[in-house]
């Protein structure tokens, strides 16, 4: 049980390091992709998937997450040594970030979609 606690704390610590960029991108994507719905523009409705989140919005989030992953690996590769000492690989770190950030993004997208529905 202590190993899982250490892993979860390590993933949370890593997420806090990349969260400002990911959350800024998420907010910008939600603003840009949901702007037609907010302004009630006729004829610009997409088919919805995942409970109110458009496929284009999910694809844009996926591609921006890949860009953040690439830039973080290229610009700061030395940051992983601390997490290696905790027993966490890059796959564990980025997998945890993807799950946490994806969950937060889908929840925020559903809230925004319901507010302007």
N, C-alpha and C. Protein backbone atom coordinates (compact mmCIF):
# COMPACT_ATOMS: atom_id res chain seq x y z
N UNK A 1 0.82 -1.20 0.00
CA UNK A 1 0.00 0.00 0.00
C UNK A 1 0.86 1.27 0.00
N UNK A 2 2.00 1.20 0.67
CA UNK A 2 2.87 2.37 0.73
C UNK A 2 3.45 2.69 -0.65
N UNK A 3 3.66 1.65 -1.46
CA UNK A 3 4.21 1.87 -2.80
C UNK A 3 3.21 2.65 -3.65
N UNK A 4 1.93 2.28 -3.57
CA UNK A 4 0.92 3.00 -4.35
C UNK A 4 0.76 4.44 -3.88
N UNK A 5 0.86 4.66 -2.58
CA UNK A 5 0.79 6.02 -2.06
C UNK A 5 1.93 6.88 -2.57
N UNK A 6 3.12 6.29 -2.61
CA UNK A 6 4.29 7.01 -3.14
C UNK A 6 4.11 7.30 -4.62
N UNK A 7 3.59 6.33 -5.36
CA UNK A 7 3.38 6.54 -6.80
C UNK A 7 2.35 7.63 -7.05
N UNK A 8 1.25 7.60 -6.33
CA UNK A 8 0.22 8.62 -6.52
C UNK A 8 0.72 10.00 -6.14
N UNK A 9 1.49 10.10 -5.06
CA UNK A 9 2.06 11.41 -4.69
C UNK A 9 3.06 11.88 -5.74
N UNK A 10 3.85 10.95 -6.28
CA UNK A 10 4.81 11.31 -7.33
C UNK A 10 4.12 11.80 -8.59
N UNK A 11 3.04 11.11 -8.98
CA UNK A 11 2.28 11.53 -10.16
C UNK A 11 1.65 12.89 -9.92
N UNK A 12 1.11 13.11 -8.73
CA UNK A 12 0.51 14.41 -8.41
C UNK A 12 1.56 15.52 -8.44
N UNK A 13 2.74 15.24 -7.90
CA UNK A 13 3.82 16.22 -7.92
C UNK A 13 4.24 16.54 -9.35
N UNK A 14 4.33 15.52 -10.19
CA UNK A 14 4.69 15.73 -11.59
C UNK A 14 3.60 16.53 -12.31
N UNK A 15 2.34 16.19 -12.03
CA UNK A 15 1.22 16.90 -12.67
C UNK A 15 1.24 18.38 -12.31
N UNK A 16 1.57 18.70 -11.08
CA UNK A 16 1.63 20.11 -10.68
C UNK A 16 2.68 20.87 -11.47
N UNK A 17 3.71 20.18 -11.96
CA UNK A 17 4.74 20.84 -12.76
C UNK A 17 4.29 21.14 -14.18
N UNK A 18 3.44 20.30 -14.74
CA UNK A 18 2.99 20.51 -16.11
C UNK A 18 1.56 21.06 -16.18
N UNK A 19 0.89 21.12 -15.05
CA UNK A 19 -0.51 21.56 -15.02
C UNK A 19 -0.72 22.99 -15.54
N UNK A 20 0.14 23.96 -15.22
CA UNK A 20 -0.15 25.31 -15.74
C UNK A 20 -0.27 25.35 -17.25
N UNK A 21 0.60 24.66 -17.95
CA UNK A 21 0.54 24.65 -19.42
C UNK A 21 -0.69 23.89 -19.89
N UNK A 22 -0.92 22.71 -19.32
CA UNK A 22 -2.06 21.90 -19.74
C UNK A 22 -3.40 22.58 -19.45
N UNK A 23 -3.51 23.21 -18.30
CA UNK A 23 -4.77 23.87 -17.95
C UNK A 23 -5.00 25.13 -18.79
N UNK A 24 -3.92 25.84 -19.13
CA UNK A 24 -4.05 27.01 -20.00
C UNK A 24 -4.50 26.58 -21.40
N UNK A 25 -3.93 25.50 -21.91
CA UNK A 25 -4.35 24.98 -23.21
C UNK A 25 -5.79 24.51 -23.16
N UNK A 26 -6.17 23.83 -22.08
CA UNK A 26 -7.55 23.35 -21.93
C UNK A 26 -8.53 24.51 -21.92
N UNK A 27 -8.22 25.55 -21.18
CA UNK A 27 -9.11 26.71 -21.13
C UNK A 27 -9.23 27.38 -22.49
N UNK A 28 -8.11 27.51 -23.20
CA UNK A 28 -8.15 28.11 -24.53
C UNK A 28 -8.96 27.25 -25.50
N UNK A 29 -8.78 25.93 -25.44
CA UNK A 29 -9.55 25.04 -26.31
C UNK A 29 -11.04 25.13 -26.02
N UNK A 30 -11.40 25.13 -24.75
CA UNK A 30 -12.81 25.22 -24.40
C UNK A 30 -13.41 26.54 -24.87
N UNK A 31 -12.66 27.61 -24.74
CA UNK A 31 -13.16 28.91 -25.17
C UNK A 31 -13.34 28.96 -26.68
N UNK A 32 -12.33 28.50 -27.42
CA UNK A 32 -12.38 28.58 -28.88
C UNK A 32 -13.39 27.59 -29.46
N UNK A 33 -13.41 26.37 -28.96
CA UNK A 33 -14.28 25.35 -29.55
C UNK A 33 -15.75 25.51 -29.12
N UNK A 34 -15.99 26.10 -27.96
CA UNK A 34 -17.36 26.27 -27.49
C UNK A 34 -17.90 27.67 -27.80
N UNK A 35 -17.10 28.52 -28.40
CA UNK A 35 -17.54 29.88 -28.71
C UNK A 35 -18.78 29.94 -29.58
N UNK A 36 -18.90 29.13 -30.65
CA UNK A 36 -20.14 29.17 -31.43
C UNK A 36 -21.37 28.81 -30.61
N UNK A 37 -21.24 27.85 -29.71
CA UNK A 37 -22.37 27.48 -28.86
C UNK A 37 -22.71 28.60 -27.88
N UNK A 38 -21.68 29.28 -27.39
CA UNK A 38 -21.92 30.38 -26.46
C UNK A 38 -22.61 31.55 -27.13
N UNK A 39 -22.28 31.76 -28.41
CA UNK A 39 -22.83 32.91 -29.11
C UNK A 39 -24.10 32.54 -29.88
N UNK A 40 -24.53 31.26 -29.77
CA UNK A 40 -25.75 30.78 -30.42
C UNK A 40 -25.72 30.98 -31.93
N UNK A 41 -24.62 30.63 -32.56
CA UNK A 41 -24.50 30.73 -34.01
C UNK A 41 -25.23 29.54 -34.64
N UNK A 42 -26.16 29.82 -35.50
CA UNK A 42 -26.96 28.77 -36.14
C UNK A 42 -26.12 28.02 -37.17
N UNK A 43 -26.32 26.72 -37.26
CA UNK A 43 -25.67 25.92 -38.29
C UNK A 43 -24.29 25.43 -37.93
N UNK A 44 -23.80 25.71 -36.76
CA UNK A 44 -22.46 25.29 -36.38
C UNK A 44 -22.49 24.25 -35.27
N UNK A 45 -23.44 23.35 -35.32
CA UNK A 45 -23.55 22.32 -34.29
C UNK A 45 -22.87 21.05 -34.77
N UNK A 46 -22.00 20.49 -33.92
CA UNK A 46 -21.34 19.22 -34.23
C UNK A 46 -22.08 18.10 -33.54
N UNK A 47 -21.90 16.91 -34.07
CA UNK A 47 -22.41 15.72 -33.38
C UNK A 47 -21.63 15.55 -32.10
N UNK A 48 -22.30 15.18 -31.04
CA UNK A 48 -21.66 15.05 -29.73
C UNK A 48 -21.31 13.60 -29.43
N UNK A 49 -20.18 13.41 -28.76
CA UNK A 49 -19.78 12.10 -28.27
C UNK A 49 -19.33 12.26 -26.83
N UNK A 50 -19.24 11.21 -26.10
CA UNK A 50 -18.78 11.22 -24.71
C UNK A 50 -19.61 12.14 -23.83
N UNK A 51 -20.89 12.12 -23.99
CA UNK A 51 -21.77 12.87 -23.11
C UNK A 51 -21.69 14.37 -23.27
N UNK A 52 -21.67 14.86 -24.49
CA UNK A 52 -21.72 16.30 -24.70
C UNK A 52 -20.40 16.92 -25.14
N UNK A 53 -19.35 16.15 -25.31
CA UNK A 53 -18.06 16.68 -25.72
C UNK A 53 -17.86 16.33 -27.20
N UNK A 54 -17.59 17.32 -28.02
CA UNK A 54 -17.47 17.08 -29.45
C UNK A 54 -16.17 16.33 -29.78
N UNK A 55 -16.18 15.54 -30.83
CA UNK A 55 -14.96 14.80 -31.23
C UNK A 55 -13.81 15.73 -31.59
N UNK A 56 -14.13 16.87 -32.20
CA UNK A 56 -13.08 17.84 -32.54
C UNK A 56 -12.39 18.39 -31.31
N UNK A 57 -13.15 18.61 -30.27
CA UNK A 57 -12.60 19.11 -29.02
C UNK A 57 -11.69 18.07 -28.38
N UNK A 58 -12.11 16.81 -28.40
CA UNK A 58 -11.27 15.74 -27.85
C UNK A 58 -9.99 15.56 -28.66
N UNK A 59 -10.10 15.65 -29.98
CA UNK A 59 -8.92 15.51 -30.83
C UNK A 59 -7.95 16.67 -30.61
N UNK A 60 -8.46 17.87 -30.49
CA UNK A 60 -7.60 19.03 -30.23
C UNK A 60 -6.88 18.89 -28.89
N UNK A 61 -7.58 18.39 -27.89
CA UNK A 61 -6.96 18.18 -26.58
C UNK A 61 -5.89 17.11 -26.65
N UNK A 62 -6.17 16.03 -27.37
CA UNK A 62 -5.18 14.96 -27.53
C UNK A 62 -3.92 15.46 -28.22
N UNK A 63 -4.09 16.21 -29.30
CA UNK A 63 -2.93 16.72 -30.03
C UNK A 63 -2.14 17.74 -29.22
N UNK A 64 -2.83 18.58 -28.46
CA UNK A 64 -2.11 19.54 -27.63
C UNK A 64 -1.38 18.83 -26.49
N UNK A 65 -1.96 17.75 -25.96
CA UNK A 65 -1.27 16.97 -24.93
C UNK A 65 -0.01 16.32 -25.46
N UNK A 66 -0.07 15.84 -26.70
CA UNK A 66 1.13 15.27 -27.33
C UNK A 66 2.20 16.33 -27.53
N UNK A 67 1.80 17.54 -27.88
CA UNK A 67 2.78 18.62 -28.05
C UNK A 67 3.44 18.97 -26.71
N UNK A 68 2.66 19.02 -25.65
CA UNK A 68 3.22 19.30 -24.32
C UNK A 68 4.17 18.19 -23.91
N UNK A 69 3.78 16.93 -24.16
CA UNK A 69 4.65 15.80 -23.84
C UNK A 69 5.98 15.91 -24.58
N UNK A 70 5.94 16.21 -25.87
CA UNK A 70 7.16 16.32 -26.66
C UNK A 70 8.05 17.45 -26.16
N UNK A 71 7.46 18.62 -25.92
CA UNK A 71 8.26 19.76 -25.46
C UNK A 71 8.84 19.53 -24.07
N UNK A 72 8.08 18.91 -23.19
CA UNK A 72 8.60 18.63 -21.85
C UNK A 72 9.76 17.64 -21.90
N UNK A 73 9.67 16.65 -22.78
CA UNK A 73 10.76 15.69 -22.91
C UNK A 73 11.99 16.30 -23.56
N UNK A 74 11.81 17.21 -24.48
CA UNK A 74 12.95 17.82 -25.16
C UNK A 74 13.60 18.93 -24.36
N UNK A 75 12.80 19.74 -23.67
CA UNK A 75 13.34 20.91 -22.98
C UNK A 75 13.83 20.62 -21.56
N UNK A 76 13.24 19.64 -20.90
CA UNK A 76 13.63 19.34 -19.52
C UNK A 76 13.74 17.84 -19.26
N UNK A 77 14.65 17.17 -19.95
CA UNK A 77 14.76 15.72 -19.76
C UNK A 77 15.35 15.34 -18.39
N UNK A 78 16.05 16.25 -17.75
CA UNK A 78 16.69 15.95 -16.47
C UNK A 78 15.70 15.90 -15.31
N UNK A 79 14.49 16.34 -15.49
CA UNK A 79 13.52 16.37 -14.40
C UNK A 79 13.08 14.97 -13.99
N UNK A 80 13.30 13.98 -14.81
CA UNK A 80 12.81 12.64 -14.53
C UNK A 80 13.65 11.86 -13.50
N UNK A 81 14.87 12.30 -13.22
CA UNK A 81 15.71 11.55 -12.30
C UNK A 81 15.10 11.46 -10.91
N UNK A 82 14.48 12.52 -10.45
CA UNK A 82 13.81 12.50 -9.15
C UNK A 82 12.72 11.44 -9.11
N UNK A 83 11.94 11.35 -10.16
CA UNK A 83 10.84 10.40 -10.21
C UNK A 83 11.34 8.97 -10.41
N UNK A 84 12.46 8.80 -11.11
CA UNK A 84 13.07 7.47 -11.22
C UNK A 84 13.47 6.95 -9.84
N UNK A 85 13.96 7.86 -8.99
CA UNK A 85 14.34 7.45 -7.64
C UNK A 85 13.12 7.07 -6.80
N UNK A 86 11.96 7.56 -7.15
CA UNK A 86 10.73 7.15 -6.48
C UNK A 86 10.14 5.87 -7.06
N UNK A 87 10.75 5.37 -8.13
CA UNK A 87 10.28 4.15 -8.75
C UNK A 87 9.24 4.38 -9.84
N UNK A 88 9.20 5.59 -10.38
CA UNK A 88 8.21 5.93 -11.41
C UNK A 88 8.91 6.12 -12.75
N UNK A 89 8.39 5.47 -13.77
CA UNK A 89 8.93 5.64 -15.12
C UNK A 89 8.20 6.79 -15.81
N UNK A 90 8.69 7.15 -16.96
CA UNK A 90 8.02 8.20 -17.74
C UNK A 90 6.62 7.76 -18.13
N UNK A 91 6.44 6.48 -18.42
CA UNK A 91 5.11 5.97 -18.79
C UNK A 91 4.13 6.13 -17.64
N UNK A 92 4.55 5.81 -16.42
CA UNK A 92 3.67 6.00 -15.26
C UNK A 92 3.32 7.48 -15.08
N UNK A 93 4.32 8.34 -15.19
CA UNK A 93 4.09 9.77 -14.98
C UNK A 93 3.12 10.34 -16.02
N UNK A 94 3.41 10.10 -17.30
CA UNK A 94 2.57 10.68 -18.34
C UNK A 94 1.22 9.98 -18.45
N UNK A 95 1.17 8.71 -18.10
CA UNK A 95 -0.12 8.02 -18.05
C UNK A 95 -1.02 8.61 -16.97
N UNK A 96 -0.45 8.87 -15.80
CA UNK A 96 -1.21 9.50 -14.73
C UNK A 96 -1.65 10.91 -15.09
N UNK A 97 -0.76 11.65 -15.74
CA UNK A 97 -1.11 13.01 -16.17
C UNK A 97 -2.23 12.96 -17.20
N UNK A 98 -2.17 12.02 -18.13
CA UNK A 98 -3.21 11.91 -19.17
C UNK A 98 -4.56 11.59 -18.55
N UNK A 99 -4.59 10.67 -17.60
CA UNK A 99 -5.85 10.31 -16.95
C UNK A 99 -6.40 11.48 -16.15
N UNK A 100 -5.56 12.10 -15.35
CA UNK A 100 -6.01 13.21 -14.50
C UNK A 100 -6.44 14.41 -15.33
N UNK A 101 -5.61 14.80 -16.29
CA UNK A 101 -5.93 15.96 -17.11
C UNK A 101 -7.12 15.69 -18.03
N UNK A 102 -7.19 14.49 -18.58
CA UNK A 102 -8.33 14.15 -19.43
C UNK A 102 -9.64 14.16 -18.67
N UNK A 103 -9.62 13.64 -17.46
CA UNK A 103 -10.83 13.64 -16.63
C UNK A 103 -11.27 15.06 -16.31
N UNK A 104 -10.32 15.90 -15.91
CA UNK A 104 -10.65 17.29 -15.61
C UNK A 104 -11.18 18.02 -16.85
N UNK A 105 -10.60 17.73 -18.00
CA UNK A 105 -11.01 18.38 -19.23
C UNK A 105 -12.43 17.98 -19.64
N UNK A 106 -12.73 16.70 -19.56
CA UNK A 106 -14.08 16.24 -19.94
C UNK A 106 -15.13 16.81 -18.98
N UNK A 107 -14.81 16.85 -17.70
CA UNK A 107 -15.74 17.43 -16.73
C UNK A 107 -15.96 18.91 -17.03
N UNK A 108 -14.88 19.65 -17.29
CA UNK A 108 -15.01 21.08 -17.60
C UNK A 108 -15.79 21.29 -18.89
N UNK A 109 -15.56 20.45 -19.90
CA UNK A 109 -16.27 20.58 -21.17
C UNK A 109 -17.76 20.32 -20.98
N UNK A 110 -18.10 19.34 -20.16
CA UNK A 110 -19.51 19.05 -19.90
C UNK A 110 -20.18 20.18 -19.14
N UNK A 111 -19.47 20.77 -18.20
CA UNK A 111 -20.02 21.90 -17.45
C UNK A 111 -20.26 23.08 -18.38
N UNK A 112 -19.29 23.39 -19.24
CA UNK A 112 -19.44 24.50 -20.17
C UNK A 112 -20.58 24.22 -21.16
N UNK A 113 -20.68 22.98 -21.64
CA UNK A 113 -21.74 22.65 -22.58
C UNK A 113 -23.12 22.76 -21.94
N UNK A 114 -23.24 22.39 -20.69
CA UNK A 114 -24.53 22.48 -20.00
C UNK A 114 -24.89 23.91 -19.66
N UNK A 115 -23.89 24.73 -19.39
CA UNK A 115 -24.17 26.13 -19.09
C UNK A 115 -24.73 26.88 -20.28
N UNK A 116 -24.23 26.54 -21.48
CA UNK A 116 -24.66 27.26 -22.68
C UNK A 116 -25.55 26.40 -23.58
N UNK A 117 -26.14 25.36 -23.06
CA UNK A 117 -27.01 24.51 -23.88
C UNK A 117 -28.39 25.11 -24.02
